[in-house]
Amino acid sequence: MCARSAQVSEAPPAQDCQGSAVLGRAKLSQAMSLGPPVPGQARSGGPGAAVALLSLLLLLLLLLLLAALWILQASGWDPGAGAGPASGPAAAHGGVGDVARRRRYAIKPLGHKWDHVNVTYRIARFPSTLNRGDTERAIAAAFRMWSDVSPLRFRRLPPAQPADITIGFYTFNHTDCWSSPLHRCFDGLNGELAHALLPPRGEIHFDNHEFWILGRSHFSWKQGVWMNDLVQVAAHEIGHALGLWHSRDVRALMHPNATYSRTRHISQDDVRAVQRLYGCVDEMQQCEAWARLRFCARRTAFMKKHCPKICNSCFEAPAAAPTPPARPPHARYLSKGRVITFHCGLNSSRPHLHVRWYKDGELLSRSVPGLELLPRQGLRILATELSEGRYTCLVHRTGKILRANSWHIKLKASTPSPTRPHGDVQGSAQAQSTEQ
């Protein structure tokens, strides 16, 4: 998970280091640092004056383009959005245009998280542009944003003492970035701001070339550099260090452009994400007494907001759970490593039809490792231990369920085959759908 300031599009995330906030600061700084014209070039009104005028017009055009790009990025613009079904390694993102209750966050599909709620951290190296006291306060404030909405409790340890999460400010080469292809080295001023490694490694690295401050990010015209909000960037990277991937909710702190848009507060989408991993907390001391009065059933909305833990409603469902068919699902036993494709039996040319896939009752709104949503509304599954479960396909039109099909995927007992090597075998299953 890497906070960037010089790219516009997000690269596909590696296992340990994910692309983070996107900014266009490098080009802007270069444009603002253009030196003055050479003396004597534009004095006579001849070719030198024309060249100077042309250069000025080009510079103004560049600044207008950068400003337009800035506005598009701040609004959450994604160059690939709307170009067909989304796919990628992140787990179960929802689209930005989905309904408000749709899950847009993403957590690690393999379940990387801390196995305890009392998490320790240490600051191994401090920045050169911010004093030690302000750095400690900024990091503590960033951790507090997550502890306020989850059962997690964070405690800072001395720099020399081992801790769950190690934080440091480094220059180009640091730790193992030269030897690890998944861990990039820093690129200097106005490039990558920070990156984090997933649990259980638990490391957060900040670029010490940057100018870090305790306050909101802004461009310093006096120094000609960006002053970066350490609390905001640290909170985003801490989310990655807890096991969260990027969200497609533009209001979320875990959105890839959060650093660019200067989002400083945890959104409801971030809350759902961290509570999905670690559970939730009750906000009021009276929750236990209210639960005994059966407020969980009588005042559901109020208790869900203020007392989610005691009412067993720590996070909202990503969408309305599908109604499973009355008939039992089709059982499919697959060899490990086999690839099989399912279709709903849908004629894609029919208008206003929508297909939704669910795994064990949970909406699959985006491809994840081992599960690929296909452009023709199909689902491709790689048979592994993680892909076992019940898959349901629903075909909707104007709120009405037209078709419902379900499969139960199980792995065969592994036996050596003398004639066929173990590998990917392409299979396909067409749904025997019925009108409801």
Protein backbone atom coordinates (compact mmCIF):
# COMPACT_ATOMS: atom_id res chain seq x y z
CA MET A 1 0.00 0.00 0.00
CA CYS A 2 1.84 3.03 -1.21
CA ALA A 3 0.90 6.68 -1.00
CA ARG A 4 1.83 8.38 -4.26
CA SER A 5 1.85 11.90 -5.50
CA ALA A 6 3.08 11.66 -9.07
CA GLN A 7 0.73 9.20 -10.75
CA VAL A 8 -2.84 9.44 -11.94
CA SER A 9 -3.91 5.80 -12.27
CA GLU A 10 -3.54 3.12 -9.69
CA ALA A 11 -1.30 0.17 -10.54
CA PRO A 12 -2.51 -3.38 -9.73
CA PRO A 13 -1.64 -4.02 -6.08
CA ALA A 14 1.03 -6.53 -5.16
CA GLN A 15 0.57 -8.80 -2.16
CA ASP A 16 2.58 -6.73 0.28
CA CYS A 17 2.52 -3.21 -1.03
CA GLN A 18 -0.60 -1.59 -2.45
CA GLY A 19 -0.83 1.64 -4.48
CA SER A 20 -2.12 4.48 -2.33
CA ALA A 21 -3.01 8.16 -2.73
CA VAL A 22 -2.55 9.69 -6.19
CA LEU A 23 -1.38 13.24 -6.71
CA GLY A 24 -0.04 15.28 -9.58
CA ARG A 25 2.48 17.25 -7.57
CA ALA A 26 5.68 16.37 -9.39
CA LYS A 27 4.65 17.98 -12.67
CA LEU A 28 3.19 20.97 -10.91
CA SER A 29 6.38 21.54 -8.97
CA GLN A 30 8.42 21.21 -12.16
CA ALA A 31 6.21 23.78 -13.90
CA MET A 32 6.52 26.20 -11.01
CA SER A 33 10.27 25.79 -10.82
CA LEU A 34 10.96 26.84 -14.40
CA GLY A 35 13.84 29.24 -14.39
CA PRO A 36 13.73 32.78 -15.81
CA PRO A 37 14.52 33.32 -19.51
CA VAL A 38 18.10 33.86 -20.55
CA PRO A 39 18.91 37.61 -20.53
CA GLY A 40 18.85 39.22 -23.94
CA GLN A 41 16.67 36.56 -25.57
CA ALA A 42 13.47 38.63 -25.93
CA ARG A 43 14.59 42.25 -26.06
CA SER A 44 14.43 43.16 -29.72
CA GLY A 45 10.90 42.10 -30.61
CA GLY A 46 12.31 39.68 -33.21
CA PRO A 47 12.34 35.87 -33.11
CA GLY A 48 13.28 35.93 -29.42
CA ALA A 49 10.05 37.75 -28.51
CA ALA A 50 7.97 35.23 -30.49
CA VAL A 51 9.70 32.30 -28.77
CA ALA A 52 9.12 33.87 -25.34
CA LEU A 53 5.45 34.48 -26.12
CA LEU A 54 5.00 30.92 -27.37
CA SER A 55 6.68 29.54 -24.24
CA LEU A 56 4.38 31.62 -22.03
CA LEU A 57 1.29 30.33 -23.87
CA LEU A 58 2.48 26.73 -23.56
CA LEU A 59 3.09 27.23 -19.84
CA LEU A 60 -0.42 28.65 -19.34
CA LEU A 61 -1.90 25.72 -21.28
CA LEU A 62 0.04 23.26 -19.10
CA LEU A 63 -1.22 24.91 -15.93
CA LEU A 64 -4.83 24.77 -17.21
CA LEU A 65 -4.48 21.07 -18.01
CA LEU A 66 -3.02 20.36 -14.57
CA ALA A 67 -5.85 22.28 -12.92
CA ALA A 68 -8.45 20.28 -14.86
CA LEU A 69 -6.72 17.04 -13.92
CA TRP A 70 -6.64 18.18 -10.29
CA ILE A 71 -10.43 18.76 -10.30
CA LEU A 72 -11.10 15.39 -11.93
CA GLN A 73 -8.96 13.53 -9.40
CA ALA A 74 -10.51 15.35 -6.45
CA SER A 75 -13.94 14.22 -7.63
CA GLY A 76 -12.80 10.59 -7.61
CA TRP A 77 -12.49 10.26 -11.39
CA ASP A 78 -11.20 6.87 -12.51
CA PRO A 79 -10.07 6.47 -16.14
CA GLY A 80 -11.29 2.86 -16.18
CA ALA A 81 -14.64 3.41 -14.51
CA GLY A 82 -17.72 2.56 -16.53
CA ALA A 83 -15.81 0.58 -19.14
CA GLY A 84 -17.51 -2.73 -18.37
CA PRO A 85 -17.48 -5.01 -15.34
CA ALA A 86 -14.66 -4.14 -12.99
CA SER A 87 -12.01 -6.71 -12.25
CA GLY A 88 -8.80 -6.86 -10.33
CA PRO A 89 -7.10 -8.41 -7.34
CA ALA A 90 -8.89 -6.36 -4.71
CA ALA A 91 -11.73 -8.07 -2.89
CA ALA A 92 -15.39 -7.24 -3.35
CA HIS A 93 -15.34 -3.55 -4.14
CA GLY A 94 -18.67 -1.94 -4.87
CA GLY A 95 -19.07 0.69 -7.57
CA VAL A 96 -19.15 4.36 -6.75
CA GLY A 97 -22.63 4.63 -8.22
CA ASP A 98 -24.05 1.77 -6.16
CA VAL A 99 -26.70 2.20 -3.53
CA ALA A 100 -25.60 3.71 -0.24
CA ARG A 101 -25.57 0.41 1.66
CA ARG A 102 -23.42 -1.39 -0.92
CA ARG A 103 -20.04 -2.37 0.43
CA ARG A 104 -17.24 -0.43 -1.28
CA TYR A 105 -14.35 -1.26 1.00
CA ALA A 106 -12.01 -4.19 0.41
CA ILE A 107 -10.23 -6.49 2.79
CA LYS A 108 -7.48 -8.97 2.07
CA PRO A 109 -9.07 -12.11 0.55
CA LEU A 110 -6.68 -14.37 2.45
CA GLY A 111 -7.71 -12.73 5.72
CA HIS A 112 -4.48 -10.98 6.72
CA LYS A 113 -5.22 -9.39 10.10
CA TRP A 114 -3.86 -9.19 13.60
CA ASP A 115 -4.90 -12.06 15.86
CA HIS A 116 -5.06 -9.77 18.90
CA VAL A 117 -6.70 -6.42 19.61
CA ASN A 118 -3.94 -4.89 21.77
CA VAL A 119 -1.57 -3.82 19.01
CA THR A 120 1.78 -2.17 19.75
CA TYR A 121 3.77 0.16 17.54
CA ARG A 122 7.13 1.92 17.62
CA ILE A 123 8.65 4.80 15.67
CA ALA A 124 12.07 3.52 14.68
CA ARG A 125 13.19 6.60 12.71
CA PHE A 126 11.86 10.15 12.84
CA PRO A 127 11.51 12.65 9.96
CA SER A 128 14.05 15.37 9.34
CA THR A 129 11.38 18.05 8.68
CA LEU A 130 9.21 17.56 11.79
CA ASN A 131 10.25 17.50 15.44
CA ARG A 132 9.92 14.36 17.52
CA GLY A 133 7.05 15.58 19.69
CA ASP A 134 4.83 16.60 16.77
CA THR A 135 5.62 13.33 15.00
CA GLU A 136 4.54 11.27 18.01
CA ARG A 137 1.35 13.31 18.36
CA ALA A 138 0.51 12.93 14.67
CA ILE A 139 1.03 9.16 14.69
CA ALA A 140 -0.98 8.78 17.91
CA ALA A 141 -3.85 10.80 16.42
CA ALA A 142 -3.86 8.59 13.32
CA PHE A 143 -4.04 5.41 15.41
CA ARG A 144 -6.79 6.95 17.54
CA MET A 145 -8.98 7.39 14.46
CA TRP A 146 -9.09 3.58 14.11
CA SER A 147 -9.33 2.72 17.82
CA ASP A 148 -12.39 4.99 18.15
CA VAL A 149 -14.40 2.79 15.77
CA SER A 150 -13.06 -0.68 16.55
CA PRO A 151 -12.03 -2.89 19.49
CA LEU A 152 -8.37 -2.31 18.62
CA ARG A 153 -6.18 -0.63 21.22
CA PHE A 154 -2.79 0.79 20.26
CA ARG A 155 0.20 1.39 22.53
CA ARG A 156 3.47 3.07 21.58
CA LEU A 157 6.68 1.36 22.68
CA PRO A 158 10.24 2.76 22.81
CA PRO A 159 12.09 2.79 19.45
CA ALA A 160 14.45 -0.04 20.41
CA GLN A 161 11.72 -2.39 21.68
CA PRO A 162 10.08 -4.90 19.30
CA ALA A 163 6.47 -4.06 18.38
CA ASP A 164 3.73 -5.31 16.08
CA ILE A 165 3.95 -2.28 13.75
CA THR A 166 7.25 -0.54 13.03
CA ILE A 167 7.13 3.00 11.64
CA GLY A 168 10.05 4.80 10.05
CA PHE A 169 10.99 7.69 7.79
CA TYR A 170 13.50 6.63 5.14
CA THR A 171 15.20 7.88 1.97
CA PHE A 172 15.67 5.98 -1.30
CA ASN A 173 17.04 2.65 -0.11
CA HIS A 174 15.51 1.25 3.07
CA THR A 175 15.03 -2.15 4.71
CA ASP A 176 14.77 -4.75 1.92
CA CYS A 177 13.52 -2.62 -0.98
CA TRP A 178 16.48 -3.48 -3.23
CA SER A 179 16.06 -7.23 -2.81
CA SER A 180 12.26 -7.53 -2.70
CA PRO A 181 10.30 -7.00 -5.96
CA LEU A 182 7.13 -6.31 -3.93
CA HIS A 183 8.73 -3.56 -1.85
CA ARG A 184 9.59 -0.43 -3.83
CA CYS A 185 12.30 1.99 -2.85
CA PHE A 186 11.35 5.64 -2.48
CA ASP A 187 11.73 7.99 -5.44
CA GLY A 188 12.60 11.32 -3.85
CA LEU A 189 10.63 14.52 -3.42
CA ASN A 190 7.02 14.74 -4.72
CA GLY A 191 6.75 11.10 -5.67
CA GLU A 192 5.68 8.24 -3.45
CA LEU A 193 4.75 9.50 0.02
CA ALA A 194 4.48 6.28 2.02
CA HIS A 195 3.65 2.60 1.88
CA ALA A 196 2.65 -0.11 4.33
CA LEU A 197 2.99 -3.88 4.56
CA LEU A 198 0.08 -6.12 5.49
CA PRO A 199 -0.11 -8.11 8.74
CA PRO A 200 1.68 -9.94 10.20
CA ARG A 201 4.73 -8.04 8.95
CA GLY A 202 3.30 -4.71 10.04
CA GLU A 203 5.59 -1.98 8.72
CA ILE A 204 4.84 1.58 7.63
CA HIS A 205 7.48 3.52 5.71
CA PHE A 206 7.37 7.25 4.99
CA ASP A 207 9.54 9.07 2.45
CA ASN A 208 11.93 11.29 4.39
CA HIS A 209 12.48 13.45 1.29
CA GLU A 210 8.98 14.87 1.76
CA PHE A 211 8.08 17.82 3.98
CA TRP A 212 5.86 16.52 6.80
CA ILE A 213 3.74 18.79 9.00
CA LEU A 214 1.20 18.56 11.79
CA GLY A 215 -1.70 20.15 9.90
CA ARG A 216 -3.51 20.06 6.59
CA SER A 217 -1.61 19.44 3.37
CA HIS A 218 -0.92 22.52 1.26
CA PHE A 219 1.55 23.85 -1.25
CA SER A 220 4.14 26.24 0.16
CA TRP A 221 4.79 28.98 -2.38
CA LYS A 222 7.61 30.28 -0.23
CA GLN A 223 9.55 27.01 -0.26
CA GLY A 224 8.13 25.68 -3.53
CA VAL A 225 7.22 22.27 -2.08
CA TRP A 226 4.19 20.36 -0.82
CA MET A 227 3.70 20.29 2.95
CA ASN A 228 2.14 16.88 3.67
CA ASP A 229 -0.36 16.20 6.46
CA LEU A 230 1.26 13.42 8.50
CA VAL A 231 -1.96 12.54 10.37
CA GLN A 232 -3.92 11.97 7.17
CA VAL A 233 -1.26 9.96 5.35
CA ALA A 234 -0.46 7.92 8.47
CA ALA A 235 -4.14 7.08 9.06
CA HIS A 236 -4.46 5.82 5.47
CA GLU A 237 -1.35 3.65 5.78
CA ILE A 238 -2.37 2.35 9.21
CA GLY A 239 -5.55 1.09 7.56
CA HIS A 240 -3.39 -0.97 5.20
CA ALA A 241 -1.24 -2.20 8.10
CA LEU A 242 -4.44 -3.46 9.75
CA GLY A 243 -5.39 -5.50 6.66
CA LEU A 244 -7.56 -3.11 4.63
CA TRP A 245 -7.23 -2.56 0.89
CA HIS A 246 -8.49 0.41 -1.07
CA SER A 247 -12.14 1.48 -1.16
CA ARG A 248 -14.07 2.75 -4.17
CA ASP A 249 -16.03 5.16 -2.00
CA VAL A 250 -14.59 8.60 -2.83
CA ARG A 251 -15.48 9.79 0.69
CA ALA A 252 -13.50 7.01 2.38
CA LEU A 253 -10.13 7.49 4.03
CA MET A 254 -9.06 4.26 2.31
CA HIS A 255 -9.87 5.59 -1.17
CA PRO A 256 -6.70 5.59 -3.33
CA ASN A 257 -7.05 9.35 -3.88
CA ALA A 258 -7.66 10.16 -0.21
CA THR A 259 -4.28 11.87 0.18
CA TYR A 260 -4.92 13.97 -2.91
CA SER A 261 -8.44 14.98 -1.81
CA ARG A 262 -7.17 15.60 1.76
CA THR A 263 -9.78 13.36 3.38
CA ARG A 264 -9.00 13.45 7.12
CA HIS A 265 -11.97 11.63 8.64
CA ILE A 266 -12.97 7.98 8.73
CA SER A 267 -16.14 7.39 6.73
CA GLN A 268 -18.88 4.85 7.35
CA ASP A 269 -17.32 2.68 4.65
CA ASP A 270 -14.01 2.64 6.58
CA VAL A 271 -15.90 1.76 9.77
CA ARG A 272 -17.59 -1.21 8.10
CA ALA A 273 -14.25 -2.40 6.75
CA VAL A 274 -12.34 -2.42 10.05
CA GLN A 275 -15.32 -3.82 11.94
CA ARG A 276 -15.62 -6.59 9.39
CA LEU A 277 -12.11 -7.68 10.38
CA TYR A 278 -12.06 -6.97 14.12
CA GLY A 279 -15.65 -6.58 15.29
CA CYS A 280 -17.14 -3.42 16.76
CA VAL A 281 -17.70 -1.51 20.00
CA ASP A 282 -20.75 -0.04 21.73
CA GLU A 283 -20.79 3.73 22.01
CA MET A 284 -22.86 4.07 25.20
CA GLN A 285 -22.67 2.61 28.68
CA GLN A 286 -26.43 1.99 28.74
CA CYS A 287 -26.28 -0.49 25.84
CA GLU A 288 -26.37 -3.56 28.07
CA ALA A 289 -29.41 -2.30 30.00
CA TRP A 290 -31.19 -1.35 26.78
CA ALA A 291 -30.53 -4.81 25.36
CA ARG A 292 -32.19 -6.39 28.40
CA LEU A 293 -35.25 -4.26 27.62
CA ARG A 294 -35.26 -5.81 24.14
CA PHE A 295 -34.35 -2.53 22.45
CA CYS A 296 -32.35 -4.47 19.84
CA ALA A 297 -35.65 -5.66 18.35
CA ARG A 298 -37.88 -2.74 19.29
CA ARG A 299 -35.53 0.13 18.34
CA THR A 300 -33.40 -1.55 15.71
CA ALA A 301 -32.05 1.52 13.91
CA PHE A 302 -31.05 3.34 17.10
CA MET A 303 -29.37 0.27 18.65
CA LYS A 304 -27.62 -0.60 15.40
CA LYS A 305 -26.03 2.84 15.37
CA HIS A 306 -25.10 3.19 19.05
CA CYS A 307 -24.97 -0.40 20.40
CA PRO A 308 -23.96 -2.64 17.47
CA LYS A 309 -21.85 -5.08 19.48
CA ILE A 310 -24.43 -6.15 22.04
CA CYS A 311 -27.10 -6.40 19.31
CA ASN A 312 -24.80 -8.52 17.13
CA SER A 313 -24.93 -6.07 14.22
CA CYS A 314 -21.33 -5.00 13.92
CA PHE A 315 -21.44 -4.34 10.20
CA GLU A 316 -24.18 -3.96 7.66
CA ALA A 317 -24.78 -6.53 5.00
CA PRO A 318 -23.33 -5.43 1.66
CA ALA A 319 -26.75 -5.75 0.06
CA ALA A 320 -30.01 -7.54 0.60
CA ALA A 321 -29.18 -11.21 1.04
CA PRO A 322 -30.46 -13.36 -1.80
CA THR A 323 -33.39 -15.68 -1.26
CA PRO A 324 -31.95 -19.15 -1.91
CA PRO A 325 -33.89 -21.46 -4.19
CA ALA A 326 -36.15 -23.99 -2.56
CA ARG A 327 -34.41 -26.84 -4.38
CA PRO A 328 -30.95 -27.89 -3.18
CA PRO A 329 -27.95 -26.45 -5.04
CA HIS A 330 -26.10 -28.39 -7.71
CA ALA A 331 -23.14 -30.13 -6.10
CA ARG A 332 -19.88 -29.95 -8.06
CA TYR A 333 -16.76 -31.79 -6.95
CA LEU A 334 -13.62 -30.33 -8.52
CA SER A 335 -9.99 -31.30 -8.49
CA LYS A 336 -7.70 -28.76 -6.90
CA GLY A 337 -6.38 -26.36 -9.53
CA ARG A 338 -9.21 -26.90 -12.00
CA VAL A 339 -10.84 -23.85 -13.58
CA ILE A 340 -14.58 -23.93 -14.20
CA THR A 341 -16.92 -21.30 -15.63
CA PHE A 342 -20.56 -20.84 -14.62
CA HIS A 343 -23.25 -18.94 -16.53
CA CYS A 344 -26.77 -18.03 -15.51
CA GLY A 345 -28.28 -19.09 -18.84
CA LEU A 346 -28.89 -15.40 -19.57
CA ASN A 347 -29.46 -13.90 -23.00
CA SER A 348 -27.26 -10.80 -22.66
CA SER A 349 -29.12 -9.00 -25.46
CA ARG A 350 -32.27 -8.68 -23.37
CA PRO A 351 -32.48 -5.15 -21.91
CA HIS A 352 -32.69 -4.17 -18.23
CA LEU A 353 -31.38 -7.48 -16.90
CA HIS A 354 -28.90 -7.52 -14.04
CA VAL A 355 -26.94 -10.49 -12.74
CA ARG A 356 -25.65 -10.77 -9.19
CA TRP A 357 -23.35 -13.48 -7.88
CA TYR A 358 -23.16 -14.44 -4.22
CA LYS A 359 -20.74 -16.67 -2.31
CA ASP A 360 -22.17 -18.09 0.92
CA GLY A 361 -24.78 -15.32 0.88
CA GLU A 362 -22.31 -12.47 0.36
CA LEU A 363 -22.40 -10.33 -2.78
CA LEU A 364 -19.46 -10.68 -5.17
CA SER A 365 -19.39 -7.20 -6.65
CA ARG A 366 -15.85 -7.45 -7.99
CA SER A 367 -13.31 -10.09 -8.95
CA VAL A 368 -11.00 -11.47 -6.28
CA PRO A 369 -8.09 -13.93 -6.54
CA GLY A 370 -9.57 -17.26 -7.62
CA LEU A 371 -12.99 -15.77 -8.52
CA GLU A 372 -13.34 -13.78 -11.75
CA LEU A 373 -16.53 -12.02 -12.82
CA LEU A 374 -16.74 -12.27 -16.60
CA PRO A 375 -18.01 -9.59 -19.00
CA ARG A 376 -20.95 -11.80 -20.10
CA GLN A 377 -22.20 -12.07 -16.50
CA GLY A 378 -20.46 -15.39 -15.90
CA LEU A 379 -18.23 -16.46 -13.03
CA ARG A 380 -14.91 -18.28 -13.40
CA ILE A 381 -13.68 -20.20 -10.36
CA LEU A 382 -10.24 -21.63 -9.62
CA ALA A 383 -10.79 -24.64 -7.36
CA THR A 384 -8.84 -24.16 -4.12
CA GLU A 385 -9.59 -24.50 -0.43
CA LEU A 386 -10.64 -20.83 -0.37
CA SER A 387 -13.11 -21.23 -3.23
CA GLU A 388 -15.17 -23.99 -1.60
CA GLY A 389 -18.70 -22.90 -0.75
CA ARG A 390 -22.14 -22.15 -2.10
CA TYR A 391 -22.47 -19.88 -5.15
CA THR A 392 -25.80 -18.34 -6.08
CA CYS A 393 -26.65 -16.49 -9.27
CA LEU A 394 -29.69 -14.19 -9.40
CA VAL A 395 -31.07 -12.51 -12.51
CA HIS A 396 -33.01 -9.30 -11.75
CA ARG A 397 -35.18 -7.03 -13.83
CA THR A 398 -36.81 -3.94 -12.27
CA GLY A 399 -36.52 -5.42 -8.80
CA LYS A 400 -38.01 -8.81 -9.71
CA ILE A 401 -35.98 -12.03 -9.56
CA LEU A 402 -36.36 -13.87 -12.87
CA ARG A 403 -33.86 -16.67 -12.35
CA ALA A 404 -32.05 -18.18 -9.41
CA ASN A 405 -29.41 -20.89 -9.65
CA SER A 406 -27.07 -22.25 -7.05
CA TRP A 407 -24.02 -24.50 -6.96
CA HIS A 408 -22.11 -26.04 -4.08
CA ILE A 409 -18.40 -26.28 -4.90
CA LYS A 410 -16.32 -28.89 -3.08
CA LEU A 411 -12.79 -30.17 -3.61
CA LYS A 412 -12.17 -33.78 -4.53
CA ALA A 413 -9.79 -35.79 -2.43
CA SER A 414 -6.38 -35.33 -4.07
CA THR A 415 -5.14 -38.52 -5.77
CA PRO A 416 -2.11 -38.82 -8.08
CA SER A 417 -3.02 -39.23 -11.76
CA PRO A 418 -0.66 -41.28 -13.97
CA THR A 419 -2.10 -39.99 -17.26
CA ARG A 420 -2.82 -36.29 -16.74
CA PRO A 421 -0.62 -33.81 -14.85
CA HIS A 422 -2.18 -31.70 -12.15
CA GLY A 423 -2.98 -28.30 -13.64
CA ASP A 424 -5.63 -26.01 -15.08
CA VAL A 425 -8.41 -27.83 -16.86
CA GLN A 426 -10.99 -25.61 -18.44
CA GLY A 427 -14.58 -26.58 -17.68
CA SER A 428 -17.96 -24.98 -18.10
CA ALA A 429 -21.37 -25.39 -16.52
CA GLN A 430 -24.53 -23.91 -18.01
CA ALA A 431 -27.37 -23.18 -15.61
CA GLN A 432 -30.64 -25.03 -15.93
CA SER A 433 -32.63 -21.95 -14.97
CA THR A 434 -36.33 -21.74 -14.31
CA GLU A 435 -38.65 -18.74 -14.51
CA GLN A 436 -40.02 -17.65 -11.15
